[in-house]
C-alpha atoms as a PDB file:
ATOM      1  CA  MET A   1     -96.105  43.766-149.517  1.00  0.00           C
ATOM      2  CA  GLN A   2     -96.526  46.626-147.093  1.00  0.00           C
ATOM      3  CA  TYR A   3     -98.106  46.354-143.637  1.00  0.00           C
ATOM      4  CA  GLY A   4    -100.610  49.236-144.285  1.00  0.00           C
ATOM      5  CA  GLY A   5    -102.051  48.188-147.523  1.00  0.00           C
ATOM      6  CA  GLY A   6    -104.473  45.505-148.596  1.00  0.00           C
ATOM      7  CA  GLY A   7    -106.461  45.441-145.255  1.00  0.00           C
ATOM      8  CA  ASN A   8    -105.103  42.094-144.164  1.00  0.00           C
ATOM      9  CA  THR A   9    -102.351  42.899-141.858  1.00  0.00           C
ATOM     10  CA  PHE A  10    -102.128  39.467-140.378  1.00  0.00           C
ATOM     11  CA  GLY A  11    -101.905  37.773-143.787  1.00  0.00           C
ATOM     12  CA  ASN A  12     -99.022  40.133-144.677  1.00  0.00           C
ATOM     13  CA  LEU A  13     -97.086  39.251-141.594  1.00  0.00           C
ATOM     14  CA  ILE A  14     -97.304  35.531-142.489  1.00  0.00           C
ATOM     15  CA  SER A  15     -96.702  35.977-146.226  1.00  0.00           C
ATOM     16  CA  ASN A  16     -93.465  38.040-145.613  1.00  0.00           C
ATOM     17  CA  GLY A  17     -92.044  35.318-143.339  1.00  0.00           C
ATOM     18  CA  SER A  18     -92.170  36.874-139.910  1.00  0.00           C
ATOM     19  CA  TYR A  19     -93.981  33.776-138.605  1.00  0.00           C
ATOM     20  CA  SER A  20     -92.421  31.220-140.624  1.00  0.00           C
ATOM     21  CA  PHE A  21     -89.514  28.808-139.738  1.00  0.00           C
ATOM     22  CA  SER A  22     -87.294  30.441-142.367  1.00  0.00           C
ATOM     23  CA  ASN A  23     -87.223  33.386-139.931  1.00  0.00           C
ATOM     24  CA  PRO A  24     -84.508  32.487-137.354  1.00  0.00           C
ATOM     25  CA  VAL A  25     -86.109  34.645-134.568  1.00  0.00           C
ATOM     26  CA  PHE A  26     -89.416  32.608-134.917  1.00  0.00           C
ATOM     27  CA  ALA A  27     -87.562  29.307-135.119  1.00  0.00           C
ATOM     28  CA  SER A  28     -85.693  30.134-131.913  1.00  0.00           C
ATOM     29  CA  LEU A  29     -88.811  31.349-130.186  1.00  0.00           C
ATOM     30  CA  ALA A  30     -90.457  28.071-131.307  1.00  0.00           C
ATOM     31  CA  GLY A  31     -87.532  25.923-129.897  1.00  0.00           C
ATOM     32  CA  TYR A  32     -87.113  27.808-126.609  1.00  0.00           C
ATOM     33  CA  SER A  33     -90.945  27.914-126.010  1.00  0.00           C
ATOM     34  CA  SER A  34     -91.176  24.268-126.612  1.00  0.00           C
ATOM     35  CA  MET A  35     -88.408  23.468-124.138  1.00  0.00           C
ATOM     36  CA  ALA A  36     -90.112  25.807-121.543  1.00  0.00           C
ATOM     37  CA  LEU A  37     -93.510  24.100-122.107  1.00  0.00           C
ATOM     38  CA  LEU A  38     -91.820  20.620-121.817  1.00  0.00           C
ATOM     39  CA  LYS A  39     -90.301  21.789-118.484  1.00  0.00           C
ATOM     40  CA  MET A  40     -93.835  23.052-117.427  1.00  0.00           C
ATOM     41  CA  LEU A  41     -95.285  19.602-118.294  1.00  0.00           C
ATOM     42  CA  GLY A  42     -92.480  17.971-116.343  1.00  0.00           C
ATOM     43  CA  MET A  43     -93.433  19.854-113.168  1.00  0.00           C
ATOM     44  CA  SER A  44     -96.996  18.525-113.453  1.00  0.00           C
ATOM     45  CA  THR A  45     -95.649  15.120-113.634  1.00  0.00           C
ATOM     46  CA  TYR A  46     -93.257  15.772-110.732  1.00  0.00           C
ATOM     47  CA  THR A  47     -96.318  16.958-108.693  1.00  0.00           C
ATOM     48  CA  ILE A  48     -98.055  13.768-109.395  1.00  0.00           C
ATOM     49  CA  ILE A  49     -95.116  11.772-108.427  1.00  0.00           C
ATOM     50  CA  GLN A  50     -94.812  13.700-105.167  1.00  0.00           C
ATOM     51  CA  ARG A  51     -98.484  13.000-104.446  1.00  0.00           C
ATOM     52  CA  PHE A  52     -98.008   9.287-104.924  1.00  0.00           C
ATOM     53  CA  ARG A  53     -94.807   9.166-103.037  1.00  0.00           C
ATOM     54  CA  THR A  54     -96.079  11.000 -99.907  1.00  0.00           C
ATOM     55  CA  GLY A  55     -99.658   9.430-100.285  1.00  0.00           C
ATOM     56  CA  ASN A  56    -101.129  12.927-100.025  1.00  0.00           C
ATOM     57  CA  PHE A  57    -103.969  13.454-102.458  1.00  0.00           C
ATOM     58  CA  ALA A  58    -105.903  16.617-103.124  1.00  0.00           C
ATOM     59  CA  THR A  59    -109.710  15.840-102.877  1.00  0.00           C
ATOM     60  CA  PRO A  60    -111.982  13.217-101.348  1.00  0.00           C
ATOM     61  CA  GLU A  61    -112.528  12.065-104.939  1.00  0.00           C
ATOM     62  CA  ASP A  62    -109.177  10.644-105.010  1.00  0.00           C
ATOM     63  CA  GLU A  63    -110.333   7.820-102.688  1.00  0.00           C
ATOM     64  CA  ILE A  64    -109.647   5.270-105.378  1.00  0.00           C
ATOM     65  CA  TYR A  65    -105.900   6.272-105.321  1.00  0.00           C
ATOM     66  CA  LYS A  66    -105.852   5.756-101.479  1.00  0.00           C
ATOM     67  CA  GLN A  67    -107.339   2.237-101.807  1.00  0.00           C
ATOM     68  CA  LEU A  68    -104.916   1.425-104.495  1.00  0.00           C
ATOM     69  CA  MET A  69    -101.962   2.533-102.485  1.00  0.00           C
ATOM     70  CA  ASN A  70    -103.271   0.573 -99.547  1.00  0.00           C
ATOM     71  CA  GLN A  71    -103.652  -2.527-101.739  1.00  0.00           C
ATOM     72  CA  LEU A  72    -100.059  -2.148-102.946  1.00  0.00           C
ATOM     73  CA  GLY A  73     -98.851  -2.037 -99.306  1.00  0.00           C
ATOM     74  CA  PHE A  74     -98.230   1.740 -98.925  1.00  0.00           C
ATOM     75  CA  SER A  75     -99.787   2.955 -95.836  1.00  0.00           C
ATOM     76  CA  GLY A  76    -100.204   6.557 -94.433  1.00  0.00           C
ATOM     77  CA  THR A  77    -102.118   8.004 -97.362  1.00  0.00           C
ATOM     78  CA  THR A  78    -104.183  11.054 -96.613  1.00  0.00           C
ATOM     79  CA  THR A  79    -106.601  13.283 -98.286  1.00  0.00           C
ATOM     80  CA  GLY A  80    -106.922  16.949 -98.033  1.00  0.00           C
ATOM     81  CA  ASN A  81    -103.925  17.576 -95.684  1.00  0.00           C
ATOM     82  CA  LYS A  82    -101.251  19.816 -97.036  1.00  0.00           C
ATOM     83  CA  ASN A  83     -97.748  18.291 -97.427  1.00  0.00           C
ATOM     84  CA  ASP A  84     -94.816  20.683 -97.841  1.00  0.00           C
ATOM     85  CA  THR A  85     -93.201  18.527-100.514  1.00  0.00           C
ATOM     86  CA  VAL A  86     -96.322  18.294-102.680  1.00  0.00           C
ATOM     87  CA  GLU A  87     -97.238  21.946-102.064  1.00  0.00           C
ATOM     88  CA  ARG A  88     -93.741  23.041-103.233  1.00  0.00           C
ATOM     89  CA  ALA A  89     -94.075  21.043-106.470  1.00  0.00           C
ATOM     90  CA  ARG A  90     -97.547  22.494-107.039  1.00  0.00           C
ATOM     91  CA  ASP A  91     -96.624  26.030-106.411  1.00  0.00           C
ATOM     92  CA  ASN A  92     -93.706  25.704-108.755  1.00  0.00           C
ATOM     93  CA  HIS A  93     -95.915  24.261-111.454  1.00  0.00           C
ATOM     94  CA  LEU A  94     -98.394  27.078-110.908  1.00  0.00           C
ATOM     95  CA  ASN A  95     -95.591  29.613-111.163  1.00  0.00           C
ATOM     96  CA  ASP A  96     -94.583  28.159-114.499  1.00  0.00           C
ATOM     97  CA  LEU A  97     -98.182  28.500-115.656  1.00  0.00           C
ATOM     98  CA  GLU A  98     -98.100  32.157-114.654  1.00  0.00           C
ATOM     99  CA  ASN A  99     -94.830  32.850-116.552  1.00  0.00           C
ATOM    100  CA  ILE A 100     -94.362  30.407-119.450  1.00  0.00           C
ATOM    101  CA  ILE A 101     -97.696  30.981-121.130  1.00  0.00           C
ATOM    102  CA  PRO A 102     -97.315  34.814-121.123  1.00  0.00           C
ATOM    103  CA  PHE A 103     -93.819  34.416-122.464  1.00  0.00           C
ATOM    104  CA  VAL A 104     -94.968  32.526-125.456  1.00  0.00           C
ATOM    105  CA  LEU A 105     -97.730  34.994-126.215  1.00  0.00           C
ATOM    106  CA  VAL A 106     -95.497  37.992-125.683  1.00  0.00           C
ATOM    107  CA  GLY A 107     -92.686  36.306-127.729  1.00  0.00           C
ATOM    108  CA  LEU A 108     -95.102  35.993-130.658  1.00  0.00           C
ATOM    109  CA  PHE A 109     -95.725  39.769-130.542  1.00  0.00           C
ATOM    110  CA  TYR A 110     -91.891  40.402-130.161  1.00  0.00           C
ATOM    111  CA  VAL A 111     -91.156  38.356-133.279  1.00  0.00           C
ATOM    112  CA  GLY A 112     -93.597  40.600-135.225  1.00  0.00           C
ATOM    113  CA  THR A 113     -91.382  43.632-134.339  1.00  0.00           C
ATOM    114  CA  ARG A 114     -88.519  42.001-136.382  1.00  0.00           C
ATOM    115  CA  PRO A 115     -85.904  42.137-133.664  1.00  0.00           C
ATOM    116  CA  LYS A 116     -82.192  41.436-134.324  1.00  0.00           C
ATOM    117  CA  PHE A 117     -81.525  37.701-133.974  1.00  0.00           C
ATOM    118  CA  ASP A 118     -78.843  38.007-131.403  1.00  0.00           C
ATOM    119  CA  CYS A 119     -80.860  40.072-129.055  1.00  0.00           C
ATOM    120  CA  ALA A 120     -83.851  37.848-129.450  1.00  0.00           C
ATOM    121  CA  LEU A 121     -81.891  34.782-128.918  1.00  0.00           C
ATOM    122  CA  TRP A 122     -80.437  36.055-125.680  1.00  0.00           C
ATOM    123  CA  HIS A 123     -83.932  37.046-124.295  1.00  0.00           C
ATOM    124  CA  PHE A 124     -85.166  33.572-124.996  1.00  0.00           C
ATOM    125  CA  ARG A 125     -82.095  31.820-123.557  1.00  0.00           C
ATOM    126  CA  ILE A 126     -82.153  33.946-120.469  1.00  0.00           C
ATOM    127  CA  PHE A 127     -85.841  33.330-119.904  1.00  0.00           C
ATOM    128  CA  LEU A 128     -85.392  29.501-120.225  1.00  0.00           C
ATOM    129  CA  LEU A 129     -82.363  29.670-117.956  1.00  0.00           C
ATOM    130  CA  SER A 130     -84.058  31.597-115.322  1.00  0.00           C
ATOM    131  CA  ARG A 131     -87.141  29.199-115.313  1.00  0.00           C
ATOM    132  CA  ILE A 132     -84.736  26.182-114.877  1.00  0.00           C
ATOM    133  CA  LEU A 133     -82.770  27.911-112.141  1.00  0.00           C
ATOM    134  CA  HIS A 134     -85.876  28.934-110.335  1.00  0.00           C
ATOM    135  CA  THR A 135     -87.304  25.548-110.232  1.00  0.00           C
ATOM    136  CA  ILE A 136     -83.951  24.068-108.943  1.00  0.00           C
ATOM    137  CA  ALA A 137     -83.707  26.864-106.335  1.00  0.00           C
ATOM    138  CA  TYR A 138     -87.310  26.348-105.347  1.00  0.00           C
ATOM    139  CA  GLN A 139     -87.248  22.548-105.083  1.00  0.00           C
ATOM    140  CA  VAL A 140     -83.778  22.435-103.456  1.00  0.00           C
ATOM    141  CA  PHE A 141     -83.090  25.625-101.389  1.00  0.00           C
ATOM    142  CA  SER A 142     -85.176  27.363 -98.981  1.00  0.00           C
ATOM    143  CA  ASP A 143     -87.067  30.643 -99.912  1.00  0.00           C
ATOM    144  CA  ILE A 144     -84.619  32.731 -97.881  1.00  0.00           C
ATOM    145  CA  PHE A 145     -81.731  31.557-100.024  1.00  0.00           C
ATOM    146  CA  LEU A 146     -83.590  32.391-103.200  1.00  0.00           C
ATOM    147  CA  CYS A 147     -84.564  35.891-102.136  1.00  0.00           C
ATOM    148  CA  TYR A 148     -80.949  36.450-101.166  1.00  0.00           C
ATOM    149  CA  PHE A 149     -79.656  35.150-104.465  1.00  0.00           C
ATOM    150  CA  LEU A 150     -82.193  37.291-106.525  1.00  0.00           C
ATOM    151  CA  CYS A 151     -81.176  40.385-104.515  1.00  0.00           C
ATOM    152  CA  ILE A 152     -77.504  39.974-105.292  1.00  0.00           C
ATOM    153  CA  ILE A 153     -78.329  39.528-109.079  1.00  0.00           C
ATOM    154  CA  ARG A 154     -80.411  42.517-108.870  1.00  0.00           C
ATOM    155  CA  LYS A 155     -77.762  44.733-107.325  1.00  0.00           C
ATOM    156  CA  TYR A 156     -75.109  43.715-109.773  1.00  0.00           C
ATOM    157  CA  ARG A 157     -77.401  44.151-112.689  1.00  0.00           C
ATOM    158  CA  PHE A 158     -78.348  47.809-111.699  1.00  0.00           C
ATOM    159  CA  HIS A 159     -74.642  48.494-110.857  1.00  0.00           C
ATOM    160  CA  TYR A 160     -73.644  47.316-114.369  1.00  0.00           C
ATOM    161  CA  LEU A 161     -76.375  49.243-116.104  1.00  0.00           C
ATOM    162  CA  ASN A 162     -75.364  52.486-114.266  1.00  0.00           C
ATOM    163  CA  GLN A 163     -71.632  51.991-114.805  1.00  0.00           C
ATOM    164  CA  HIS A 164     -71.487  50.613-118.459  1.00  0.00           C
ATOM    165  CA  VAL A 165     -74.605  51.678-120.246  1.00  0.00           C
ATOM    166  CA  GLN A 166     -75.034  55.117-121.740  1.00  0.00           C
ATOM    167  CA  PHE A 167     -78.603  56.097-122.658  1.00  0.00           C
ATOM    168  CA  ARG A 168     -79.131  58.179-125.679  1.00  0.00           C
ATOM    169  CA  VAL A 169     -81.801  60.543-126.132  1.00  0.00           C
ATOM    170  CA  TYR A 170     -82.890  61.157-129.706  1.00  0.00           C
END
């Protein structure tokens, strides 16, 4: 089947195997996307744990949680005040939402271009590794260290590209 004929382009893409698990690129996208989505769900759970650990809840409607915490003997619960630990976890989760969902959608378009398996696999691996490293760096280290680390990586990456990659014009 050709893409141009028949009028059903999406049906042709599915019938020729681009979006089936027999295509190793699609299977690897599904696997790495699943791991990234599980990491994102883990961050929402981590945010909830930090809210209960610090006793810092988001809205006045969370009064029931404050009462529960007080009954269990945990004092110092607050509502509406910003806690750095909770805000860091929340910001990290929001950053995941801003990056992982587009990765999955763009990855689906990328699979439709029929890329080489090795190249696609490295794209997926680098994305997942960067999300995990971002989370660790953001939760453990300060923002200044993170910026310094990213600048060093950027410097060496561009240096490598300028020294070792020759661009061809066709």
